[in-house]
Protein backbone atom coordinates (compact mmCIF):
# COMPACT_ATOMS: atom_id res chain seq x y z
CA MET A 1 -32.02 6.04 11.76
CA ASN A 2 -34.60 6.73 14.45
CA THR A 3 -37.07 4.64 12.44
CA PRO A 4 -39.23 1.99 14.13
CA ASN A 5 -37.86 -1.52 13.58
CA PRO A 6 -35.05 -0.62 11.17
CA GLU A 7 -34.13 -3.31 8.64
CA TYR A 8 -30.43 -3.18 9.58
CA ASP A 9 -28.32 -2.24 12.56
CA ALA A 10 -25.76 -0.66 10.25
CA VAL A 11 -25.37 0.11 6.56
CA ILE A 12 -21.89 0.72 5.19
CA VAL A 13 -21.72 2.85 2.03
CA GLY A 14 -18.63 1.75 0.10
CA SER A 15 -16.74 -1.54 0.00
CA GLY A 16 -13.09 -0.53 0.16
CA PRO A 17 -10.79 -1.97 2.85
CA ASN A 18 -12.07 0.51 5.41
CA GLY A 19 -15.73 -0.10 4.67
CA LEU A 20 -15.30 -3.85 4.86
CA SER A 21 -13.15 -3.63 8.00
CA ALA A 22 -15.93 -1.65 9.66
CA ALA A 23 -18.48 -4.19 8.45
CA VAL A 24 -16.45 -7.11 9.81
CA ARG A 25 -16.00 -5.47 13.20
CA LEU A 26 -19.69 -4.65 13.55
CA SER A 27 -20.82 -8.10 12.45
CA GLN A 28 -18.43 -9.67 14.98
CA GLU A 29 -20.83 -8.36 17.62
CA GLY A 30 -23.81 -10.03 16.01
CA LEU A 31 -25.19 -6.89 14.38
CA LYS A 32 -27.12 -7.08 11.13
CA VAL A 33 -24.92 -5.24 8.62
CA LEU A 34 -25.30 -4.38 4.94
CA VAL A 35 -22.57 -3.07 2.63
CA LEU A 36 -23.61 -1.07 -0.44
CA GLU A 37 -21.23 -0.75 -3.41
CA ALA A 38 -21.88 1.39 -6.49
CA LYS A 39 -19.62 -0.64 -8.79
CA PRO A 40 -20.26 -4.18 -10.09
CA THR A 41 -17.41 -5.46 -7.90
CA ILE A 42 -16.22 -4.70 -4.37
CA GLY A 43 -12.80 -3.39 -3.49
CA GLY A 44 -12.38 0.39 -3.67
CA GLY A 45 -8.63 0.91 -4.04
CA THR A 46 -7.82 -2.80 -4.05
CA ARG A 47 -9.33 -3.98 -7.32
CA THR A 48 -7.29 -6.20 -9.66
CA GLN A 49 -8.24 -6.37 -13.35
CA GLU A 50 -7.05 -7.31 -16.82
CA ILE A 51 -6.50 -3.91 -18.42
CA THR A 52 -3.65 -4.42 -20.89
CA GLU A 53 -3.77 -7.96 -22.28
CA PRO A 54 -5.81 -11.08 -21.50
CA GLY A 55 -4.16 -13.03 -18.69
CA PHE A 56 -2.23 -10.04 -17.29
CA LEU A 57 -3.56 -9.07 -13.85
CA HIS A 58 -2.96 -5.46 -12.80
CA ASP A 59 -3.68 -3.72 -9.49
CA ILE A 60 -5.66 -0.57 -10.21
CA CYS A 61 -4.50 1.45 -7.21
CA ALA A 62 -2.87 -0.28 -4.22
CA ALA A 63 -0.23 -2.81 -5.23
CA VAL A 64 2.28 -3.17 -2.38
CA LEU A 65 0.90 -3.76 1.11
CA PRO A 66 3.20 -2.80 4.01
CA THR A 67 0.35 -1.24 5.98
CA THR A 68 -1.78 -4.35 5.42
CA ALA A 69 0.94 -6.59 6.81
CA GLY A 70 1.42 -4.20 9.72
CA SER A 71 -2.23 -3.46 10.48
CA PRO A 72 -3.27 -4.05 14.12
CA CYS A 73 -6.80 -4.68 12.87
CA LEU A 74 -6.28 -6.95 9.87
CA ASN A 75 -3.66 -9.01 11.66
CA THR A 76 -6.28 -10.25 14.12
CA LEU A 77 -8.62 -11.63 11.44
CA ASN A 78 -6.71 -14.65 10.10
CA LEU A 79 -7.44 -13.52 6.54
CA LYS A 80 -5.23 -16.28 5.15
CA GLU A 81 -8.08 -18.65 5.99
CA TYR A 82 -10.29 -16.56 3.67
CA GLY A 83 -7.92 -16.40 0.70
CA LEU A 84 -5.27 -13.75 1.44
CA GLU A 85 -1.68 -14.90 0.91
CA PHE A 86 1.29 -12.55 1.20
CA ILE A 87 4.37 -12.91 -0.99
CA HIS A 88 7.52 -11.15 0.22
CA PRO A 89 10.01 -9.99 -2.41
CA GLU A 90 13.64 -10.67 -1.53
CA ILE A 91 14.18 -6.90 -1.26
CA PRO A 92 11.28 -4.70 0.00
CA TYR A 93 12.34 -1.59 -1.94
CA ALA A 94 15.26 -0.11 -3.82
CA HIS A 95 16.20 3.34 -5.02
CA PRO A 96 18.29 3.40 -8.22
CA LEU A 97 20.85 6.16 -8.61
CA ALA A 98 23.21 7.27 -11.37
CA LYS A 99 25.58 4.91 -13.23
CA GLY A 100 23.97 1.70 -12.02
CA ASP A 101 24.32 2.48 -8.33
CA ALA A 102 21.38 2.05 -5.95
CA ALA A 103 20.35 2.45 -2.34
CA VAL A 104 18.72 -0.75 -1.16
CA CYS A 105 16.42 -1.53 1.77
CA TYR A 106 16.76 -5.17 2.82
CA ARG A 107 14.48 -6.89 5.33
CA SER A 108 17.52 -6.97 7.59
CA LEU A 109 18.09 -3.60 9.19
CA GLU A 110 21.71 -4.52 9.86
CA LYS A 111 22.40 -5.39 6.23
CA THR A 112 20.72 -2.18 5.07
CA ALA A 113 22.74 -0.09 7.48
CA GLU A 114 26.00 -1.76 6.44
CA SER A 115 25.28 -0.89 2.80
CA LEU A 116 25.06 2.82 3.70
CA GLY A 117 28.70 3.20 4.68
CA ALA A 118 29.26 6.33 6.73
CA ASP A 119 25.56 6.42 7.66
CA GLN A 120 25.50 2.91 9.12
CA LYS A 121 25.29 3.96 12.77
CA ASN A 122 22.79 6.77 12.28
CA TYR A 123 20.48 4.61 10.15
CA SER A 124 20.51 1.87 12.76
CA ARG A 125 19.98 4.36 15.57
CA LEU A 126 17.01 5.92 13.79
CA PHE A 127 15.13 2.77 12.84
CA SER A 128 16.14 -0.01 15.23
CA GLU A 129 13.79 0.77 18.12
CA PHE A 130 10.82 1.42 15.82
CA ALA A 131 11.40 -1.76 13.82
CA ASP A 132 12.02 -3.89 16.92
CA HIS A 133 8.86 -2.65 18.60
CA TRP A 134 6.62 -2.31 15.56
CA ASP A 135 3.71 -4.13 17.21
CA TYR A 136 3.65 -1.54 19.97
CA LEU A 137 4.31 1.43 17.68
CA SER A 138 1.62 0.47 15.19
CA GLU A 139 -0.99 0.37 17.96
CA ASP A 140 -0.48 4.07 18.57
CA ILE A 141 0.27 5.23 15.01
CA PHE A 142 -2.85 3.55 13.64
CA GLY A 143 -4.94 4.27 16.72
CA THR A 144 -7.38 7.01 17.59
CA LEU A 145 -6.72 10.41 19.14
CA ARG A 146 -5.94 9.43 22.73
CA ILE A 147 -3.15 9.08 25.24
CA PRO A 148 -0.63 6.65 23.69
CA LYS A 149 -0.49 3.11 25.03
CA HIS A 150 3.30 3.27 24.73
CA PRO A 151 4.15 6.88 25.60
CA LEU A 152 7.96 6.65 25.63
CA LEU A 153 8.13 4.96 22.23
CA MET A 154 5.64 7.42 20.78
CA ALA A 155 7.52 10.35 22.28
CA ARG A 156 10.66 9.25 20.43
CA PHE A 157 8.69 8.70 17.23
CA GLY A 158 7.00 12.08 17.63
CA TRP A 159 10.33 13.83 18.17
CA TYR A 160 11.75 12.57 14.88
CA GLY A 161 8.45 12.57 13.00
CA GLN A 162 7.64 16.23 13.65
CA PHE A 163 10.45 17.37 11.37
CA SER A 164 10.45 17.75 7.65
CA ALA A 165 12.03 14.90 5.73
CA ARG A 166 14.70 17.32 4.49
CA HIS A 167 15.62 18.53 7.97
CA LEU A 168 15.80 15.03 9.45
CA SER A 169 17.74 13.66 6.52
CA ASN A 170 20.26 16.50 6.50
CA SER A 171 20.65 16.26 10.27
CA LEU A 172 21.34 12.52 10.37
CA PHE A 173 22.76 11.42 7.04
CA LYS A 174 25.88 12.26 5.06
CA THR A 175 25.63 9.94 2.04
CA ARG A 176 23.43 10.40 -1.02
CA LYS A 177 22.30 6.77 -0.64
CA ALA A 178 20.85 7.19 2.84
CA LYS A 179 19.23 10.50 1.95
CA ALA A 180 17.69 9.10 -1.23
CA LEU A 181 16.43 5.97 0.54
CA PHE A 182 14.67 8.12 3.14
CA ALA A 183 13.29 10.52 0.52
CA GLY A 184 11.71 7.67 -1.43
CA CYS A 185 9.68 6.61 1.59
CA ALA A 186 8.85 10.11 2.82
CA ALA A 187 7.54 11.13 -0.60
CA HIS A 188 4.71 8.61 -0.25
CA SER A 189 3.15 11.37 1.87
CA ILE A 190 2.43 13.38 -1.30
CA ILE A 191 3.48 16.55 0.48
CA PRO A 192 6.64 18.61 -0.09
CA LEU A 193 9.62 17.14 1.74
CA GLU A 194 10.22 20.54 3.34
CA LYS A 195 6.89 20.35 5.20
CA ALA A 196 6.71 19.53 8.90
CA PHE A 197 5.83 15.91 9.70
CA SER A 198 6.84 14.64 6.25
CA ALA A 199 9.60 12.74 8.07
CA SER A 200 6.97 10.67 9.89
CA PHE A 201 6.00 8.92 6.65
CA GLY A 202 9.59 7.93 6.02
CA LEU A 203 9.84 6.58 9.55
CA VAL A 204 6.68 4.49 9.33
CA LEU A 205 7.41 2.99 5.93
CA GLY A 206 11.09 2.42 6.62
CA SER A 207 10.34 0.74 9.95
CA SER A 208 7.66 -1.47 8.43
CA ALA A 209 10.11 -2.74 5.80
CA HIS A 210 12.38 -4.09 8.52
CA SER A 211 9.58 -5.42 10.72
CA VAL A 212 6.69 -6.76 8.63
CA GLY A 213 8.05 -6.24 5.10
CA TRP A 214 6.52 -4.79 1.96
CA PRO A 215 4.60 -7.77 0.56
CA VAL A 216 2.30 -8.16 -2.42
CA ALA A 217 -0.88 -10.22 -2.33
CA LYS A 218 -0.92 -13.41 -4.37
CA GLY A 219 -3.21 -12.88 -7.33
CA GLY A 220 -3.43 -9.14 -6.77
CA SER A 221 -4.49 -6.72 -4.05
CA ALA A 222 -8.13 -7.60 -4.66
CA SER A 223 -7.34 -10.62 -2.49
CA VAL A 224 -7.42 -8.31 0.56
CA THR A 225 -11.01 -7.18 0.15
CA THR A 226 -12.12 -10.56 -1.18
CA ALA A 227 -10.86 -12.13 2.04
CA LEU A 228 -12.58 -9.45 4.15
CA ALA A 229 -15.81 -10.00 2.22
CA ASN A 230 -15.59 -13.77 2.68
CA LEU A 231 -15.16 -13.33 6.44
CA PHE A 232 -17.95 -10.76 6.59
CA LYS A 233 -20.39 -13.05 4.77
CA LYS A 234 -19.46 -15.96 7.03
CA GLN A 235 -20.45 -13.77 9.97
CA GLY A 236 -23.84 -13.17 8.37
CA GLY A 237 -23.17 -9.91 6.57
CA GLU A 238 -24.74 -8.85 3.28
CA ILE A 239 -23.19 -7.07 0.29
CA GLN A 240 -25.10 -5.41 -2.55
CA THR A 241 -23.14 -4.28 -5.61
CA ASP A 242 -24.39 -2.07 -8.47
CA THR A 243 -26.11 0.06 -5.82
CA GLU A 244 -25.23 3.73 -6.08
CA VAL A 245 -26.17 5.97 -3.16
CA LYS A 246 -27.01 9.52 -4.23
CA SER A 247 -29.13 10.50 -1.22
CA LEU A 248 -30.13 9.13 2.16
CA SER A 249 -33.33 7.85 0.60
CA ASP A 250 -31.26 5.30 -1.32
CA ILE A 251 -30.19 3.63 1.93
CA PRO A 252 -32.39 0.96 3.57
CA SER A 253 -33.68 1.74 7.05
CA SER A 254 -30.89 1.36 9.57
CA LYS A 255 -29.95 2.43 13.06
CA THR A 256 -26.60 3.69 11.79
CA ILE A 257 -24.97 4.66 8.48
CA VAL A 258 -21.21 4.45 8.03
CA PHE A 259 -19.77 6.25 5.00
CA ASP A 260 -16.63 4.86 3.37
CA LEU A 261 -16.63 8.09 1.35
CA THR A 262 -14.80 11.40 1.40
CA PRO A 263 -16.22 14.63 2.89
CA HIS A 264 -17.53 16.26 -0.28
CA GLN A 265 -19.48 13.13 -1.23
CA ILE A 266 -21.01 12.91 2.24
CA VAL A 267 -22.24 16.49 1.92
CA ASP A 268 -23.80 15.65 -1.45
CA ILE A 269 -25.62 12.65 0.02
CA ALA A 270 -26.62 13.89 3.48
CA GLY A 271 -27.08 17.58 2.66
CA ASP A 272 -29.33 19.41 5.09
CA HIS A 273 -29.33 16.45 7.48
CA LEU A 274 -25.90 17.70 8.56
CA PRO A 275 -25.50 20.74 10.84
CA LYS A 276 -24.59 23.79 8.76
CA THR A 277 -21.29 24.44 10.55
CA TYR A 278 -20.14 20.85 10.08
CA ARG A 279 -21.35 20.82 6.48
CA ASN A 280 -19.30 23.92 5.76
CA LYS A 281 -16.21 22.37 7.34
CA LEU A 282 -16.58 19.33 5.13
CA ARG A 283 -16.90 21.55 2.06
CA ARG A 284 -13.65 23.29 3.03
CA TYR A 285 -11.84 19.97 3.34
CA GLN A 286 -8.81 20.04 1.04
CA TYR A 287 -7.78 17.30 -1.35
CA GLY A 288 -4.15 16.81 -2.28
CA PRO A 289 -2.32 16.26 -5.55
CA GLY A 290 -3.51 13.55 -7.89
CA ALA A 291 -1.82 10.56 -9.47
CA PHE A 292 -1.11 9.61 -13.05
CA LYS A 293 -1.01 5.82 -13.26
CA MET A 294 0.50 3.40 -15.77
CA ASP A 295 0.37 -0.39 -16.20
CA TRP A 296 2.39 -2.41 -18.68
CA ALA A 297 2.38 -5.92 -20.05
CA LEU A 298 6.04 -6.85 -20.61
CA SER A 299 7.79 -9.53 -22.61
CA GLU A 300 10.50 -9.86 -19.95
CA PRO A 301 11.58 -8.30 -16.64
CA VAL A 302 12.71 -4.68 -16.53
CA PRO A 303 16.45 -4.59 -17.39
CA TRP A 304 17.61 -2.56 -14.39
CA LEU A 305 21.28 -1.57 -14.49
CA ASN A 306 21.59 -2.47 -10.82
CA GLU A 307 21.17 -6.18 -10.10
CA GLU A 308 19.62 -5.60 -6.65
CA CYS A 309 16.81 -3.61 -8.28
CA ARG A 310 15.83 -6.80 -10.11
CA LYS A 311 15.07 -8.40 -6.73
CA ALA A 312 12.98 -5.53 -5.32
CA GLY A 313 9.21 -5.54 -5.13
CA THR A 314 9.05 -1.74 -5.09
CA LEU A 315 11.30 0.91 -6.58
CA HIS A 316 11.41 4.64 -5.99
CA LEU A 317 12.59 6.47 -9.09
CA GLY A 318 13.75 10.05 -9.14
CA GLY A 319 17.42 10.17 -8.30
CA THR A 320 18.78 12.15 -5.37
CA PHE A 321 16.92 13.62 -2.43
CA ASP A 322 17.07 17.07 -4.01
CA GLU A 323 15.66 15.83 -7.33
CA ILE A 324 12.72 14.15 -5.61
CA ALA A 325 12.06 17.15 -3.37
CA GLU A 326 12.07 19.48 -6.36
CA GLY A 327 9.53 17.36 -8.22
CA GLU A 328 7.19 17.00 -5.24
CA LYS A 329 7.30 20.74 -4.49
CA ALA A 330 6.45 21.51 -8.11
CA VAL A 331 3.32 19.36 -7.93
CA TRP A 332 2.07 21.32 -4.90
CA GLU A 333 2.60 24.49 -6.90
CA GLY A 334 0.31 23.14 -9.60
CA LYS A 335 3.10 22.19 -12.02
CA HIS A 336 3.93 19.00 -13.91
CA HIS A 337 7.59 18.15 -13.42
CA ASP A 338 9.51 16.71 -16.35
CA LYS A 339 11.39 14.31 -14.07
CA PRO A 340 8.73 13.18 -11.58
CA TYR A 341 9.17 10.97 -8.55
CA VAL A 342 7.82 7.58 -9.69
CA LEU A 343 6.60 4.77 -7.44
CA LEU A 344 6.95 1.45 -9.23
CA SER A 345 6.06 -2.16 -8.44
CA GLN A 346 7.06 -5.32 -10.31
CA PRO A 347 4.86 -7.99 -8.66
CA SER A 348 5.03 -10.66 -11.35
CA LEU A 349 8.70 -11.27 -10.51
CA PHE A 350 7.45 -12.88 -7.30
CA ASP A 351 3.86 -13.89 -8.12
CA GLY A 352 3.54 -16.16 -11.13
CA THR A 353 -0.27 -16.03 -11.03
CA ARG A 354 -0.29 -12.50 -12.48
CA THR A 355 0.78 -13.26 -16.06
CA PRO A 356 1.20 -15.93 -18.73
CA GLU A 357 4.41 -17.92 -18.23
CA GLY A 358 7.54 -15.91 -19.01
CA LYS A 359 5.70 -12.58 -19.22
CA HIS A 360 5.48 -9.77 -16.67
CA THR A 361 3.42 -6.86 -15.41
CA LEU A 362 4.64 -3.48 -14.23
CA TRP A 363 2.77 -0.88 -12.16
CA ALA A 364 3.77 2.76 -11.62
CA TYR A 365 2.45 6.21 -10.89
CA CYS A 366 3.67 9.74 -10.35
CA HIS A 367 2.14 12.68 -8.54
CA VAL A 368 0.45 15.45 -10.55
CA PRO A 369 -1.64 18.51 -9.64
CA ASN A 370 -5.16 17.73 -8.47
CA GLY A 371 -7.57 17.31 -11.36
CA SER A 372 -4.80 16.99 -13.94
CA THR A 373 -5.66 15.66 -17.38
CA LYS A 374 -2.04 15.60 -18.59
CA ASP A 375 -0.64 12.36 -20.00
CA MET A 376 2.65 11.69 -18.19
CA THR A 377 3.56 8.58 -20.16
CA GLN A 378 6.72 10.04 -21.65
CA GLU A 379 7.95 11.41 -18.33
CA ILE A 380 7.38 8.14 -16.43
CA GLU A 381 8.87 5.93 -19.12
CA SER A 382 11.88 8.22 -19.39
CA GLN A 383 12.49 7.88 -15.65
CA ILE A 384 12.38 4.08 -15.95
CA GLU A 385 14.60 4.08 -19.03
CA ARG A 386 17.05 6.31 -17.15
CA PHE A 387 17.77 3.47 -14.73
CA ALA A 388 16.90 0.56 -17.03
CA PRO A 389 18.07 1.23 -20.60
CA GLY A 390 16.15 -0.93 -23.05
CA PHE A 391 12.98 -0.97 -20.93
CA LYS A 392 10.81 0.36 -23.77
CA ASP A 393 11.80 -2.63 -25.92
CA THR A 394 10.11 -4.98 -23.41
CA ILE A 395 6.67 -3.34 -23.67
CA ILE A 396 3.88 -5.43 -25.19
CA SER A 397 1.09 -3.00 -24.32
CA LYS A 398 0.23 -0.36 -21.75
CA HIS A 399 -2.71 1.29 -19.99
CA THR A 400 -2.81 4.82 -18.58
CA MET A 401 -5.08 6.67 -16.17
CA THR A 402 -4.96 10.44 -15.60
CA ALA A 403 -5.85 12.07 -12.30
CA GLN A 404 -9.27 12.90 -13.72
CA GLY A 405 -9.56 9.31 -14.90
CA PHE A 406 -8.91 8.12 -11.35
CA GLU A 407 -11.87 10.14 -10.10
CA GLN A 408 -14.10 8.80 -12.87
CA TYR A 409 -13.04 5.28 -11.93
CA ASN A 410 -13.57 5.85 -8.20
CA PRO A 411 -15.35 9.01 -6.97
CA ASN A 412 -13.47 8.69 -3.66
CA TYR A 413 -10.35 9.80 -5.55
CA VAL A 414 -11.37 13.43 -5.85
CA GLY A 415 -9.20 15.05 -8.50
CA GLY A 416 -7.06 11.92 -8.50
CA ASP A 417 -6.18 12.20 -4.79
CA ILE A 418 -5.71 8.56 -3.77
CA ASN A 419 -5.13 9.43 -0.09
CA GLY A 420 -8.57 10.79 0.72
CA GLY A 421 -7.31 14.31 1.37
CA ALA A 422 -4.14 16.37 1.66
CA GLN A 423 -1.88 15.19 4.49
CA PHE A 424 -0.45 18.51 5.64
CA PHE A 425 -0.32 19.26 9.37
CA LYS A 426 -3.91 20.39 9.92
CA GLN A 427 -5.41 17.47 8.04
CA LEU A 428 -2.90 14.93 9.28
CA PHE A 429 -4.39 15.19 12.77
CA GLY A 430 -7.78 16.70 11.94
CA ARG A 431 -9.35 14.44 9.33
CA PRO A 432 -11.97 15.43 8.24
CA VAL A 433 -12.31 17.96 11.08
CA LEU A 434 -10.38 18.35 14.32
CA LYS A 435 -12.39 16.66 17.07
CA TRP A 436 -11.80 13.99 19.71
CA ASN A 437 -13.95 11.47 17.83
CA PRO A 438 -13.48 12.32 14.12
CA TYR A 439 -15.52 9.28 13.00
CA LYS A 440 -18.79 10.51 14.51
CA ILE A 441 -20.74 12.84 12.23
CA PRO A 442 -22.86 15.29 14.29
CA ALA A 443 -26.10 13.89 12.91
CA ASP A 444 -28.22 11.07 14.24
CA GLY A 445 -26.55 7.70 13.65
CA MET A 446 -24.03 8.83 10.99
CA TYR A 447 -20.32 8.01 10.87
CA ILE A 448 -17.40 8.29 8.44
CA CYS A 449 -14.80 5.53 8.06
CA SER A 450 -12.84 6.39 4.92
CA SER A 451 -9.17 7.38 4.58
CA SER A 452 -10.39 10.94 5.17
CA THR A 453 -10.23 9.99 8.86
CA PRO A 454 -7.21 9.04 11.01
CA PRO A 455 -4.83 7.38 10.36
CA GLY A 456 -5.32 8.27 6.68
CA GLY A 457 -4.42 6.50 3.46
CA GLY A 458 -3.15 2.94 3.15
CA VAL A 459 -4.65 -0.54 2.95
CA HIS A 460 -4.74 -1.06 6.72
CA GLY A 461 -8.47 -1.00 7.47
CA MET A 462 -7.84 1.01 10.62
CA CYS A 463 -10.09 3.93 9.65
CA GLY A 464 -12.93 1.45 9.32
CA TYR A 465 -12.04 -0.41 12.49
CA ASN A 466 -11.77 2.79 14.55
CA ALA A 467 -15.09 4.05 13.19
CA ALA A 468 -16.76 0.72 14.00
CA GLN A 469 -15.45 0.91 17.57
CA SER A 470 -17.08 4.33 17.86
CA VAL A 471 -20.37 2.99 16.47
CA LEU A 472 -20.36 0.07 18.90
CA LYS A 473 -19.71 2.27 21.90
CA ASN A 474 -22.00 5.19 21.07
CA GLU A 475 -24.92 3.43 19.40
CA PHE A 476 -24.95 -0.03 20.97
CA GLY A 477 -23.16 0.38 24.29
CA ILE A 478 -20.46 -2.15 23.37
CA SER A 479 -16.95 -1.18 24.39
CA SER A 480 -15.04 -4.45 23.90
CA ASP A 481 -11.87 -4.17 21.78
CA LYS A 482 -10.92 -7.14 19.63
CA SER A 483 -7.64 -5.60 18.43
């Protein structure tokens, strides 16, 4: 930065989906770009490893990829040519309820609505326009802070999305199935379902299920970043692993630096190179609840009481809307709930490359207070057993990771926060600080591209893409948009 004849045009610190998306976009313009990764392998939240038994492939963090399939950035890159193959479960997600009943989200919006009985019309009315026009909606949802490209569609989305999940659900739905189905999606936000804008997460994820689906990646979610890396290298990019950056002096000379890191880490690295007021704002940035994660090697599929649950790629466990809301509120109050909301994926039902023949993997996590060291194995397994009696008899072996363990595995997950920061109102729109261009750090040639910037968490690469667009415009005078 401001050095004569810098070795690189841009150095990206971190090789998660956002870092690599930024690297790909910059290298598309012929820039000389280097990616630095502290770990022996690339991937950030998309690594896939054998952690229970030999031959059993488990996704460490991201497992199901609706935002990847629906990403305006990644969809332009033809990543299939570089090794990414999506597999779509017959049912995107299901929500088991008492006595073998379940609310089920099918790819078909009409079929889903029909299954909800008295809520058929309201479910269709809520989701049909968003699902039908997903390509337009995603441009604005995943875009930067600007006037929407599709103002009428975004106005409708904004009207519904501004509410809490509880308010919207109670206003529109009568049945426990419809309310539970919406709660399962909204709770991905990791904020209490009584908070404003929690409904927006339910809208985005529900709409994506009916438009682009909730696929898994063949061979594991590492296929996403492997494909991005293959494309990046083809364009002339360089990647260095086992290269930890502790200070700016660890970074080769470059015109720009793009951090795929969270605010507190950037302060640690850049220190006094940042203006004091901005540095203090980054230090005040708030991280959300953490995650306790489990992986299992199984002798057979999970014996769900409900047959449709055996066809679903993702399941939301926790019972009724009120049960889920109670558990999520408790986490924000610093408590561990004895019946947590559990997100679960069973990818080996649809991807035979994950396990030895006839065996299966299972992936699940629940939300816990930030920095938690509590082992939630009993609570998670009890929730599964509640809807699938006999599940514990299928377990060959298991692997657990506490919220603290998540941070040790990946320093971007501060206190186990896998979303790069709490997603309450202020930090939903002001990540990491509220400014028109949140990707530009007010220091010469520095940018941030992690999920601590809009549009936030998810394997969509849009934080990286948006940051790269800012770099191209502000540092190199390039304003073309390849999205």
